[in-house]
N, C-alpha and C. Protein backbone atom coordinates (compact mmCIF):
# COMPACT_ATOMS: atom_id res chain seq x y z
N MET A 1 -23.39 -4.22 6.38
CA MET A 1 -23.59 -4.56 4.75
C MET A 1 -22.66 -4.50 4.14
N PHE A 2 -22.55 -5.57 2.98
CA PHE A 2 -21.70 -5.69 2.28
C PHE A 2 -21.65 -4.58 1.13
N ASN A 3 -20.23 -3.98 0.57
CA ASN A 3 -20.90 -3.16 -0.39
C ASN A 3 -19.05 -3.43 -1.08
N LEU A 4 -19.57 -4.43 -2.56
CA LEU A 4 -18.44 -4.95 -3.51
C LEU A 4 -18.46 -3.99 -4.82
N ILE A 5 -17.49 -3.23 -5.15
CA ILE A 5 -17.26 -3.14 -6.97
C ILE A 5 -16.57 -3.81 -7.32
N ILE A 6 -16.71 -3.95 -8.62
CA ILE A 6 -16.36 -4.94 -9.76
C ILE A 6 -16.32 -4.05 -11.02
N PHE A 7 -15.01 -3.65 -10.95
CA PHE A 7 -14.82 -2.73 -12.25
C PHE A 7 -13.63 -4.33 -13.11
N GLY A 8 -13.59 -3.92 -14.45
CA GLY A 8 -12.34 -4.07 -15.56
C GLY A 8 -12.99 -3.19 -16.78
N ALA A 9 -11.85 -3.51 -17.60
CA ALA A 9 -12.23 -3.00 -18.96
C ALA A 9 -13.56 -3.26 -19.87
N PRO A 10 -13.52 -2.54 -20.37
CA PRO A 10 -14.68 -3.05 -21.50
C PRO A 10 -14.35 -4.52 -21.80
N GLY A 11 -15.62 -4.82 -21.93
CA GLY A 11 -15.51 -6.20 -22.24
C GLY A 11 -14.81 -7.38 -21.22
N SER A 12 -14.38 -6.99 -19.94
CA SER A 12 -13.93 -8.11 -19.09
C SER A 12 -14.85 -8.81 -18.43
N GLY A 13 -16.54 -8.57 -18.84
CA GLY A 13 -17.13 -9.27 -18.10
C GLY A 13 -18.02 -9.06 -16.68
N LYS A 14 -17.67 -8.02 -16.90
CA LYS A 14 -18.29 -7.11 -15.39
C LYS A 14 -19.67 -7.08 -14.96
N GLY A 15 -20.49 -6.89 -16.10
CA GLY A 15 -21.99 -6.63 -15.97
C GLY A 15 -22.17 -8.37 -15.99
N THR A 16 -21.69 -9.09 -16.48
CA THR A 16 -22.45 -10.51 -16.47
C THR A 16 -22.02 -10.89 -14.83
N GLN A 17 -20.83 -10.71 -14.43
CA GLN A 17 -20.41 -11.20 -13.60
C GLN A 17 -20.89 -10.66 -11.82
N SER A 18 -21.33 -9.55 -12.43
CA SER A 18 -22.27 -8.67 -11.43
C SER A 18 -24.10 -9.34 -11.06
N ALA A 19 -23.98 -9.27 -12.10
CA ALA A 19 -25.71 -9.96 -12.44
C ALA A 19 -25.24 -11.06 -11.52
N LYS A 20 -24.77 -12.45 -11.59
CA LYS A 20 -24.84 -13.52 -11.37
C LYS A 20 -23.77 -13.08 -9.53
N ILE A 21 -23.68 -12.36 -9.47
CA ILE A 21 -23.09 -12.47 -7.78
C ILE A 21 -24.19 -12.01 -6.84
N ALA A 22 -24.94 -10.66 -7.82
CA ALA A 22 -26.45 -10.38 -7.30
C ALA A 22 -27.38 -11.51 -7.24
N THR A 23 -27.31 -11.84 -7.86
CA THR A 23 -28.30 -13.33 -7.85
C THR A 23 -27.71 -13.99 -6.72
N LYS A 24 -26.81 -14.35 -6.46
CA LYS A 24 -26.39 -15.38 -5.38
C LYS A 24 -26.38 -15.10 -4.24
N TYR A 25 -25.93 -13.32 -4.11
CA TYR A 25 -25.33 -12.99 -2.55
C TYR A 25 -26.74 -12.15 -2.31
N HIS A 26 -28.07 -12.31 -2.99
CA HIS A 26 -29.20 -11.34 -3.03
C HIS A 26 -28.24 -9.62 -2.78
N PHE A 27 -27.70 -9.22 -3.73
CA PHE A 27 -27.01 -7.72 -3.54
C PHE A 27 -28.24 -7.34 -4.62
N THR A 28 -28.05 -5.77 -4.40
CA THR A 28 -28.82 -5.05 -5.13
C THR A 28 -27.45 -4.33 -6.21
N HIS A 29 -27.70 -5.49 -7.40
CA HIS A 29 -26.95 -4.35 -9.12
C HIS A 29 -27.14 -2.94 -8.95
N ILE A 30 -25.95 -2.26 -8.64
CA ILE A 30 -26.06 -1.02 -8.97
C ILE A 30 -25.18 -0.81 -10.69
N SER A 31 -25.81 0.13 -11.37
CA SER A 31 -25.46 -0.29 -12.93
C SER A 31 -25.07 1.54 -13.54
N THR A 32 -24.53 2.35 -13.75
CA THR A 32 -24.93 3.74 -13.57
C THR A 32 -25.66 3.59 -15.10
N GLY A 33 -25.29 3.10 -15.74
CA GLY A 33 -26.02 3.00 -17.54
C GLY A 33 -27.14 2.57 -17.19
N ASP A 34 -27.75 1.21 -16.47
CA ASP A 34 -28.68 1.28 -16.11
C ASP A 34 -29.72 1.96 -15.37
N ILE A 35 -29.09 2.44 -14.57
CA ILE A 35 -29.95 4.11 -13.73
C ILE A 35 -30.39 5.14 -14.74
N PHE A 36 -29.58 5.21 -15.49
CA PHE A 36 -29.49 6.23 -16.34
C PHE A 36 -30.72 5.98 -17.38
N ARG A 37 -30.62 4.61 -17.82
CA ARG A 37 -31.72 4.58 -19.21
C ARG A 37 -33.20 4.39 -17.81
N LYS A 38 -32.88 3.74 -16.97
CA LYS A 38 -34.22 3.73 -16.46
C LYS A 38 -35.19 5.30 -15.96
N GLU A 39 -33.70 5.97 -15.70
CA GLU A 39 -34.49 7.71 -15.09
C GLU A 39 -34.76 8.32 -15.93
N ILE A 40 -34.19 7.88 -16.80
CA ILE A 40 -34.50 8.48 -18.77
C ILE A 40 -35.99 8.02 -18.93
N LYS A 41 -36.05 6.77 -19.46
CA LYS A 41 -37.02 6.42 -19.77
C LYS A 41 -38.60 6.73 -18.53
N ASN A 42 -38.34 6.64 -17.32
CA ASN A 42 -39.53 7.53 -16.75
C ASN A 42 -39.66 8.74 -16.57
N GLN A 43 -39.08 9.29 -16.79
CA GLN A 43 -38.94 11.27 -17.29
C GLN A 43 -38.52 11.64 -15.71
N THR A 44 -38.34 10.74 -14.80
CA THR A 44 -38.28 11.51 -13.13
C THR A 44 -36.83 12.46 -13.27
N PRO A 45 -37.14 13.58 -12.43
CA PRO A 45 -36.81 14.57 -12.59
C PRO A 45 -34.95 14.17 -12.88
N LEU A 46 -34.83 13.54 -11.95
CA LEU A 46 -33.05 13.31 -12.04
C LEU A 46 -32.79 12.74 -13.68
N GLY A 47 -33.84 11.67 -14.44
CA GLY A 47 -33.69 11.16 -15.78
C GLY A 47 -34.25 12.64 -16.56
N LYS A 48 -34.19 13.40 -16.04
CA LYS A 48 -34.71 14.43 -17.40
C LYS A 48 -33.26 15.63 -17.16
N ARG A 49 -32.58 15.35 -15.84
CA ARG A 49 -31.31 16.23 -15.70
C ARG A 49 -30.14 15.63 -16.72
N VAL A 50 -29.88 14.00 -16.06
CA VAL A 50 -29.23 12.96 -17.04
C VAL A 50 -29.60 13.42 -18.54
N LYS A 51 -30.72 13.08 -19.18
CA LYS A 51 -31.04 13.04 -20.25
C LYS A 51 -30.64 14.88 -20.77
N GLU A 52 -31.00 15.56 -19.83
CA GLU A 52 -30.55 17.15 -20.94
C GLU A 52 -28.60 17.47 -20.82
N VAL A 53 -27.60 16.42 -20.15
CA VAL A 53 -26.16 16.40 -20.32
C VAL A 53 -25.72 15.82 -20.97
N ILE A 54 -26.44 14.55 -21.42
CA ILE A 54 -25.96 13.69 -22.65
C ILE A 54 -26.25 14.24 -23.59
N ASP A 55 -27.45 14.70 -23.54
CA ASP A 55 -27.74 15.54 -25.10
C ASP A 55 -27.08 16.14 -25.86
N SER A 56 -26.58 17.21 -24.18
CA SER A 56 -25.44 17.95 -24.66
C SER A 56 -24.09 17.88 -25.06
N GLY A 57 -23.81 16.25 -25.05
CA GLY A 57 -22.48 15.96 -25.54
C GLY A 57 -21.78 16.36 -24.54
N HIS A 58 -22.17 15.85 -23.09
CA HIS A 58 -20.95 16.29 -21.89
C HIS A 58 -21.02 15.16 -21.25
N LEU A 59 -19.85 14.77 -20.07
CA LEU A 59 -20.30 13.64 -19.29
C LEU A 59 -20.98 14.04 -18.14
N VAL A 60 -21.70 12.45 -17.93
CA VAL A 60 -22.47 13.35 -16.39
C VAL A 60 -21.27 13.83 -14.85
N SER A 61 -21.63 14.97 -14.12
CA SER A 61 -20.91 15.25 -13.48
C SER A 61 -20.03 14.26 -12.24
N ASP A 62 -19.30 14.17 -11.75
CA ASP A 62 -18.76 13.51 -10.53
C ASP A 62 -20.29 13.50 -9.76
N GLU A 63 -20.59 14.85 -8.69
CA GLU A 63 -22.06 14.91 -8.18
C GLU A 63 -22.87 14.59 -8.39
N LEU A 64 -23.45 14.72 -9.57
CA LEU A 64 -24.74 13.98 -10.02
C LEU A 64 -24.59 12.57 -10.05
N LEU A 65 -23.57 11.56 -10.39
CA LEU A 65 -23.32 10.44 -10.51
C LEU A 65 -23.27 9.82 -8.97
N ILE A 66 -22.58 10.80 -7.94
CA ILE A 66 -22.71 10.34 -6.72
C ILE A 66 -24.43 10.07 -5.93
N GLU A 67 -25.25 11.43 -6.41
CA GLU A 67 -26.90 11.61 -6.05
C GLU A 67 -27.20 10.28 -6.71
N ILE A 68 -26.77 9.95 -7.80
CA ILE A 68 -27.50 8.83 -8.55
C ILE A 68 -27.84 7.33 -7.40
N ILE A 69 -25.97 6.98 -7.36
CA ILE A 69 -25.57 6.16 -6.47
C ILE A 69 -26.03 6.37 -5.09
N GLU A 70 -26.13 7.48 -4.46
CA GLU A 70 -26.93 7.38 -3.10
C GLU A 70 -28.55 7.19 -3.26
N LYS A 71 -29.48 7.87 -4.12
CA LYS A 71 -30.58 7.67 -4.24
C LYS A 71 -30.84 5.66 -4.51
N ALA A 72 -30.17 4.95 -5.71
CA ALA A 72 -30.35 3.78 -5.61
C ALA A 72 -30.08 2.85 -4.12
N MET A 73 -28.87 3.66 -3.50
CA MET A 73 -29.11 2.52 -2.48
C MET A 73 -29.98 3.04 -1.40
N ASP A 74 -30.48 4.07 -1.57
CA ASP A 74 -31.64 4.78 -0.25
C ASP A 74 -33.09 3.95 -0.76
N ASP A 75 -33.16 4.12 -2.09
CA ASP A 75 -34.10 3.40 -3.01
C ASP A 75 -34.60 1.80 -1.98
N ASP A 76 -33.43 1.32 -2.11
CA ASP A 76 -33.16 -0.25 -1.72
C ASP A 76 -32.82 -0.42 -0.43
N ASP A 77 -33.29 -0.24 0.74
CA ASP A 77 -32.96 -0.44 2.09
C ASP A 77 -32.94 -1.72 2.85
N ASN A 78 -33.40 -3.11 1.77
CA ASN A 78 -33.82 -4.22 2.15
C ASN A 78 -32.83 -5.16 2.02
N SER A 79 -31.38 -4.59 0.68
CA SER A 79 -30.58 -5.44 0.63
C SER A 79 -29.54 -5.49 1.46
N HIS A 80 -28.92 -7.34 1.04
CA HIS A 80 -27.88 -7.80 1.81
C HIS A 80 -26.18 -6.67 1.27
N GLY A 81 -26.65 -6.61 0.51
CA GLY A 81 -25.44 -5.45 -0.05
C GLY A 81 -25.42 -4.86 -0.99
N PHE A 82 -24.51 -4.07 -1.89
CA PHE A 82 -24.85 -3.94 -3.20
C PHE A 82 -23.64 -4.18 -3.44
N ILE A 83 -23.71 -4.17 -5.12
CA ILE A 83 -22.56 -4.18 -5.94
C ILE A 83 -22.75 -3.34 -7.06
N PHE A 84 -21.26 -2.53 -7.08
CA PHE A 84 -21.24 -1.43 -7.52
C PHE A 84 -20.57 -2.08 -8.99
N ASP A 85 -21.13 -1.88 -10.50
CA ASP A 85 -20.42 -2.37 -11.33
C ASP A 85 -20.16 -0.59 -12.70
N GLY A 86 -19.09 -0.90 -12.60
CA GLY A 86 -18.18 0.32 -13.18
C GLY A 86 -18.15 1.47 -12.94
N PHE A 87 -17.98 1.60 -11.43
CA PHE A 87 -18.67 2.60 -10.70
C PHE A 87 -17.76 2.54 -9.37
N PRO A 88 -16.82 3.01 -9.03
CA PRO A 88 -16.13 4.15 -10.06
C PRO A 88 -15.16 4.17 -10.57
N ARG A 89 -14.81 5.38 -11.58
CA ARG A 89 -14.43 4.87 -12.96
C ARG A 89 -13.13 6.41 -12.22
N THR A 90 -12.59 6.94 -11.71
CA THR A 90 -12.24 8.18 -11.48
C THR A 90 -11.11 8.13 -10.28
N LEU A 91 -10.15 8.57 -9.39
CA LEU A 91 -9.66 8.76 -8.40
C LEU A 91 -10.72 9.16 -7.50
N ARG A 92 -11.34 10.67 -8.00
CA ARG A 92 -12.14 11.71 -7.61
C ARG A 92 -13.51 10.91 -6.83
N GLN A 93 -13.90 9.92 -7.97
CA GLN A 93 -15.55 9.54 -7.98
C GLN A 93 -15.11 8.45 -6.30
N ALA A 94 -14.27 7.94 -6.65
CA ALA A 94 -13.80 6.97 -5.87
C ALA A 94 -13.51 7.79 -3.99
N ARG A 95 -13.19 8.89 -4.48
CA ARG A 95 -13.05 9.77 -3.02
C ARG A 95 -14.26 9.95 -2.45
N ASP A 96 -14.88 10.36 -3.49
CA ASP A 96 -16.39 11.08 -3.45
C ASP A 96 -17.33 10.19 -2.88
N MET A 97 -17.15 8.65 -3.44
CA MET A 97 -18.05 7.31 -2.71
C MET A 97 -17.95 7.18 -1.02
N ASP A 98 -16.72 7.56 -0.94
CA ASP A 98 -16.24 7.16 0.24
C ASP A 98 -16.77 7.81 1.36
N VAL A 99 -16.94 9.41 1.17
CA VAL A 99 -17.69 10.35 1.45
C VAL A 99 -19.24 9.71 1.92
N MET A 100 -19.50 9.73 0.76
CA MET A 100 -20.61 9.15 0.55
C MET A 100 -21.57 8.10 1.82
N MET A 101 -20.92 7.11 1.45
CA MET A 101 -20.69 5.73 2.08
C MET A 101 -20.62 6.02 3.47
N HIS A 102 -19.96 6.78 4.25
CA HIS A 102 -19.36 7.46 5.54
C HIS A 102 -20.84 8.21 6.11
N ARG A 103 -21.32 9.13 4.94
CA ARG A 103 -22.64 9.79 5.62
C ARG A 103 -23.54 8.72 6.16
N HIS A 104 -23.48 7.92 5.58
CA HIS A 104 -24.73 6.22 5.64
C HIS A 104 -23.61 5.12 6.50
N LYS A 105 -22.83 5.32 7.55
CA LYS A 105 -22.40 4.68 8.08
C LYS A 105 -21.76 2.88 7.75
N GLU A 106 -21.27 3.59 6.16
CA GLU A 106 -20.85 2.08 5.62
C GLU A 106 -19.67 2.05 5.02
N CYS A 107 -18.94 1.67 4.21
CA CYS A 107 -17.91 1.23 3.62
C CYS A 107 -17.69 0.78 2.57
N VAL A 108 -16.78 0.94 1.30
CA VAL A 108 -16.77 -0.23 0.41
C VAL A 108 -16.22 -1.06 1.23
N SER A 109 -16.47 -2.24 0.70
CA SER A 109 -16.33 -3.58 1.50
C SER A 109 -14.46 -4.40 0.81
N LEU A 110 -15.01 -4.10 -0.37
CA LEU A 110 -14.09 -4.95 -0.89
C LEU A 110 -14.19 -4.62 -2.82
N VAL A 111 -12.87 -4.92 -3.28
CA VAL A 111 -12.72 -4.32 -4.97
C VAL A 111 -12.25 -5.48 -5.63
N LEU A 112 -13.07 -5.82 -6.89
CA LEU A 112 -13.03 -6.91 -7.21
C LEU A 112 -12.39 -6.70 -8.74
N ALA A 113 -11.43 -6.77 -8.92
CA ALA A 113 -11.14 -6.57 -10.95
C ALA A 113 -10.96 -7.56 -11.79
N LEU A 114 -12.04 -7.55 -12.75
CA LEU A 114 -11.59 -8.52 -13.76
C LEU A 114 -10.38 -8.09 -14.68
N ASP A 115 -9.53 -9.39 -14.59
CA ASP A 115 -8.19 -9.08 -15.33
C ASP A 115 -8.24 -10.14 -16.79
N VAL A 116 -7.95 -9.37 -17.68
CA VAL A 116 -8.50 -9.53 -18.74
C VAL A 116 -7.08 -9.07 -19.91
N ASP A 117 -6.54 -9.92 -20.23
CA ASP A 117 -5.23 -9.13 -21.22
C ASP A 117 -6.06 -8.50 -22.77
N ARG A 118 -4.74 -7.54 -23.08
CA ARG A 118 -5.68 -6.28 -24.01
C ARG A 118 -6.44 -7.13 -25.28
N GLN A 119 -5.31 -8.03 -26.10
CA GLN A 119 -5.79 -8.73 -26.97
C GLN A 119 -7.39 -9.89 -26.87
N GLU A 120 -7.11 -10.26 -26.04
CA GLU A 120 -8.59 -10.90 -25.60
C GLU A 120 -9.96 -9.67 -25.60
N ILE A 121 -9.65 -8.90 -24.75
CA ILE A 121 -10.58 -7.58 -24.98
C ILE A 121 -10.78 -7.21 -26.14
N ILE A 122 -10.01 -6.84 -26.88
CA ILE A 122 -10.04 -6.69 -28.17
C ILE A 122 -10.94 -7.84 -29.13
N ALA A 123 -10.63 -8.80 -28.69
CA ALA A 123 -11.48 -9.99 -29.70
C ALA A 123 -12.43 -10.07 -29.72
N ARG A 124 -12.81 -9.92 -27.84
CA ARG A 124 -14.63 -9.86 -27.34
C ARG A 124 -15.24 -8.91 -28.11
N LEU A 125 -14.84 -7.64 -28.02
CA LEU A 125 -15.44 -6.28 -28.48
C LEU A 125 -15.68 -6.56 -29.43
N LEU A 126 -14.94 -6.97 -30.24
CA LEU A 126 -15.14 -7.10 -32.22
C LEU A 126 -15.61 -8.16 -32.15
N ASN A 127 -15.69 -9.33 -31.16
CA ASN A 127 -17.18 -10.19 -31.69
C ASN A 127 -18.21 -9.74 -31.27
N ARG A 128 -18.77 -8.91 -30.39
CA ARG A 128 -19.83 -8.38 -29.83
C ARG A 128 -20.21 -7.65 -30.69
N ALA A 129 -19.76 -6.61 -31.05
CA ALA A 129 -19.99 -5.67 -32.12
C ALA A 129 -20.42 -6.57 -33.48
N LYS A 130 -19.81 -7.62 -33.64
CA LYS A 130 -20.24 -8.16 -35.10
C LYS A 130 -21.66 -8.86 -34.66
N GLU A 131 -21.23 -9.49 -33.92
CA GLU A 131 -23.13 -10.11 -32.93
C GLU A 131 -23.95 -8.91 -32.89
N GLN A 132 -23.87 -7.86 -32.84
CA GLN A 132 -24.90 -6.86 -32.03
C GLN A 132 -24.61 -5.83 -33.62
N GLY A 133 -24.07 -5.89 -34.45
CA GLY A 133 -23.94 -4.87 -35.66
C GLY A 133 -23.69 -3.77 -35.26
N ARG A 134 -22.71 -3.53 -34.35
CA ARG A 134 -22.27 -2.16 -34.01
C ARG A 134 -21.18 -1.69 -34.72
N VAL A 135 -21.47 -1.17 -36.28
CA VAL A 135 -20.39 -1.08 -36.85
C VAL A 135 -19.16 -0.03 -36.59
N ASP A 136 -20.06 0.76 -35.39
CA ASP A 136 -18.94 1.94 -34.80
C ASP A 136 -17.62 1.49 -33.98
N ASP A 137 -17.77 -0.01 -33.20
CA ASP A 137 -16.95 -0.85 -32.75
C ASP A 137 -15.95 -1.38 -33.56
N THR A 138 -14.78 -0.36 -34.11
CA THR A 138 -13.63 -0.41 -34.82
C THR A 138 -12.27 -0.93 -33.69
N GLU A 139 -11.54 -1.98 -34.19
CA GLU A 139 -10.48 -1.86 -33.23
C GLU A 139 -9.81 -0.55 -33.06
N GLU A 140 -9.84 0.41 -33.64
CA GLU A 140 -9.10 1.75 -33.36
C GLU A 140 -9.93 2.57 -32.01
N VAL A 141 -11.42 2.57 -32.17
CA VAL A 141 -12.15 2.44 -31.40
C VAL A 141 -12.45 2.01 -29.89
N ILE A 142 -11.90 0.79 -29.76
CA ILE A 142 -12.02 -0.06 -28.74
C ILE A 142 -10.57 0.29 -27.98
N CYS A 143 -9.87 0.29 -28.60
CA CYS A 143 -8.43 0.57 -27.71
C CYS A 143 -7.83 2.08 -27.88
N LYS A 144 -8.91 2.95 -28.18
CA LYS A 144 -9.14 3.91 -27.70
C LYS A 144 -9.78 3.89 -26.15
N ARG A 145 -10.83 3.53 -26.23
CA ARG A 145 -11.38 2.92 -25.36
C ARG A 145 -10.82 2.56 -23.89
N LEU A 146 -9.60 1.44 -24.37
CA LEU A 146 -9.15 0.91 -23.72
C LEU A 146 -8.37 1.49 -22.96
N GLU A 147 -7.64 2.33 -23.74
CA GLU A 147 -6.52 3.48 -23.12
C GLU A 147 -7.26 4.44 -22.22
N VAL A 148 -8.54 5.24 -22.02
CA VAL A 148 -8.92 6.00 -21.64
C VAL A 148 -9.33 5.11 -20.37
N TYR A 149 -9.30 3.56 -20.28
CA TYR A 149 -10.11 3.08 -19.27
C TYR A 149 -8.50 3.05 -18.09
N GLN A 150 -7.56 2.44 -18.93
CA GLN A 150 -6.43 2.52 -18.21
C GLN A 150 -5.89 3.67 -17.56
N ASN A 151 -5.70 4.52 -18.19
CA ASN A 151 -5.55 5.60 -17.70
C ASN A 151 -6.29 6.65 -16.13
N GLN A 152 -7.69 5.81 -16.58
CA GLN A 152 -8.22 6.46 -15.18
C GLN A 152 -8.41 5.40 -14.03
N THR A 153 -8.60 3.90 -14.13
CA THR A 153 -8.58 2.91 -13.35
C THR A 153 -7.04 3.08 -12.04
N SER A 154 -6.00 3.14 -13.48
CA SER A 154 -4.97 2.62 -12.88
C SER A 154 -4.50 3.69 -11.31
N PRO A 155 -4.67 4.59 -11.18
CA PRO A 155 -5.07 5.35 -9.85
C PRO A 155 -5.60 4.95 -8.67
N LEU A 156 -6.71 4.08 -9.46
CA LEU A 156 -7.81 3.32 -8.46
C LEU A 156 -7.56 1.82 -7.87
N ILE A 157 -6.75 1.04 -8.64
CA ILE A 157 -5.52 -0.10 -8.04
C ILE A 157 -5.09 0.30 -6.84
N ASP A 158 -4.13 1.44 -6.92
CA ASP A 158 -3.27 2.03 -5.57
C ASP A 158 -4.35 2.08 -4.95
N TYR A 159 -4.87 3.35 -5.41
CA TYR A 159 -6.12 3.72 -4.20
C TYR A 159 -6.53 2.63 -3.09
N TYR A 160 -7.44 1.56 -3.98
CA TYR A 160 -8.19 0.38 -2.92
C TYR A 160 -6.98 -0.65 -2.97
N LYS A 161 -5.45 -0.82 -3.08
CA LYS A 161 -4.53 -1.55 -2.70
C LYS A 161 -4.45 -1.22 -1.40
N ASN A 162 -4.38 -0.15 -1.46
CA ASN A 162 -3.79 0.93 -0.08
C ASN A 162 -4.35 0.49 0.84
N GLN A 163 -5.57 0.46 0.67
CA GLN A 163 -6.92 0.23 1.68
C GLN A 163 -6.75 -0.96 2.11
N GLY A 164 -6.52 -2.20 1.27
CA GLY A 164 -6.13 -3.82 1.34
C GLY A 164 -7.34 -3.80 1.21
N LYS A 165 -8.23 -3.60 -0.26
CA LYS A 165 -9.16 -3.60 -0.60
C LYS A 165 -9.63 -4.45 -1.78
N PHE A 166 -8.20 -4.68 -2.69
CA PHE A 166 -8.58 -5.15 -3.97
C PHE A 166 -7.46 -6.44 -4.29
N ILE A 167 -8.49 -7.08 -5.53
CA ILE A 167 -8.05 -8.40 -5.39
C ILE A 167 -8.03 -8.16 -6.83
N SER A 168 -7.24 -8.71 -7.79
CA SER A 168 -7.88 -9.40 -9.24
C SER A 168 -7.85 -10.49 -9.24
N ILE A 169 -9.19 -10.62 -10.58
CA ILE A 169 -9.60 -11.61 -10.38
C ILE A 169 -8.71 -12.34 -11.65
N ASN A 170 -8.59 -13.37 -12.02
CA ASN A 170 -8.27 -14.10 -14.09
C ASN A 170 -9.33 -13.71 -14.46
N GLY A 171 -9.63 -12.95 -15.54
CA GLY A 171 -11.31 -12.50 -16.09
C GLY A 171 -11.28 -13.72 -17.56
N VAL A 172 -10.66 -14.44 -17.27
CA VAL A 172 -10.33 -15.48 -18.60
C VAL A 172 -10.21 -16.82 -18.41
N GLY A 173 -11.34 -17.47 -19.26
CA GLY A 173 -12.13 -18.89 -18.60
C GLY A 173 -13.59 -19.20 -19.00
N THR A 174 -14.27 -19.55 -18.44
CA THR A 174 -15.54 -19.92 -18.51
C THR A 174 -16.71 -19.09 -17.74
N LEU A 175 -17.49 -18.87 -17.98
CA LEU A 175 -18.63 -17.91 -17.09
C LEU A 175 -18.34 -18.24 -16.26
N GLU A 176 -18.32 -19.71 -15.44
CA GLU A 176 -18.79 -20.71 -14.38
C GLU A 176 -17.23 -21.03 -13.78
N GLY A 177 -16.49 -20.82 -14.16
CA GLY A 177 -15.12 -20.98 -13.62
C GLY A 177 -14.56 -19.77 -12.85
N ILE A 178 -14.93 -18.38 -13.72
CA ILE A 178 -14.84 -17.06 -13.39
C ILE A 178 -15.35 -16.84 -12.22
N PHE A 179 -16.77 -16.93 -11.89
CA PHE A 179 -17.38 -16.93 -11.33
C PHE A 179 -17.49 -18.05 -9.94
N ALA A 180 -16.99 -19.13 -10.18
CA ALA A 180 -16.59 -19.85 -8.79
C ALA A 180 -15.09 -19.35 -8.42
N GLU A 181 -14.39 -18.49 -9.32
CA GLU A 181 -12.83 -17.74 -8.31
C GLU A 181 -13.59 -16.61 -7.45
N ILE A 182 -14.26 -16.00 -8.11
CA ILE A 182 -15.51 -14.83 -7.31
C ILE A 182 -15.91 -15.19 -6.26
N CYS A 183 -16.72 -16.08 -6.39
CA CYS A 183 -17.08 -16.54 -5.15
C CYS A 183 -16.20 -17.00 -4.52
N ARG A 184 -15.14 -18.12 -4.11
CA ARG A 184 -14.13 -18.35 -3.64
C ARG A 184 -13.63 -17.04 -2.76
N VAL A 185 -13.55 -16.09 -3.50
CA VAL A 185 -12.75 -14.92 -2.67
C VAL A 185 -13.81 -13.86 -2.09
N VAL A 186 -15.19 -13.95 -2.62
CA VAL A 186 -16.09 -13.16 -2.11
C VAL A 186 -16.69 -14.22 -0.36
N ASP A 187 -16.64 -14.86 -0.27
CA ASP A 187 -17.27 -16.11 0.86
C ASP A 187 -16.54 -16.10 2.45
N PRO A 188 -15.37 -15.31 2.07
CA PRO A 188 -14.64 -15.29 3.32
C PRO A 188 -14.65 -14.00 3.84
N TYR A 189 -15.90 -12.95 2.87
CA TYR A 189 -15.48 -11.76 3.57
C TYR A 189 -16.78 -11.74 3.84
N LEU A 190 -17.72 -12.30 3.35
CA LEU A 190 -19.19 -12.32 3.82
C LEU A 190 -19.06 -13.04 5.29
N ALA A 191 -18.30 -13.94 5.61
CA ALA A 191 -17.98 -15.04 6.82
C ALA A 191 -17.63 -13.80 7.95
N VAL A 192 -16.89 -13.01 7.41
CA VAL A 192 -16.40 -11.72 8.45
C VAL A 192 -17.72 -10.58 8.78
N ASN A 193 -17.99 -10.14 7.81
CA ASN A 193 -19.08 -9.23 7.95
C ASN A 193 -20.57 -9.71 8.64
């Protein structure tokens, strides 16, 4: 089974590209945000736990995140592979994910990072905020989110580079052009697996 992690800064296009990858390769797209919303909406025991944590103003624990990811994988055992969108976000989550994958006799196959420069990200997010009427997404808030992202993910880059699994993709260009580059990178890995 092929397990692909895609990450990038907010506004890098990872959600859009993840959906395209999932469709082309028949992978299951796992987005923790989407899972949270679904579980909460369906009022599952897991959804109730997540809602309680979020409503209290806390972040969902790494342990609960891994439990959610593992459940999503178990729920879809007919998939050709999984694409993890925006997870893991920290070194601890990456290590916990490796342990969880090992329990299932799986591993992370490849990590793609959509590389978009800071000014482009800010422009994209300001435009998205304007289009969606999100007045809280000011340049100051966006810069803070980018700083948090950078601080959290820098160790992940080295972690996956040391495993020989990390590839950076230029995330600037047309959706189709970026997707073609992703496919050019992913296809040889799938031929081997």
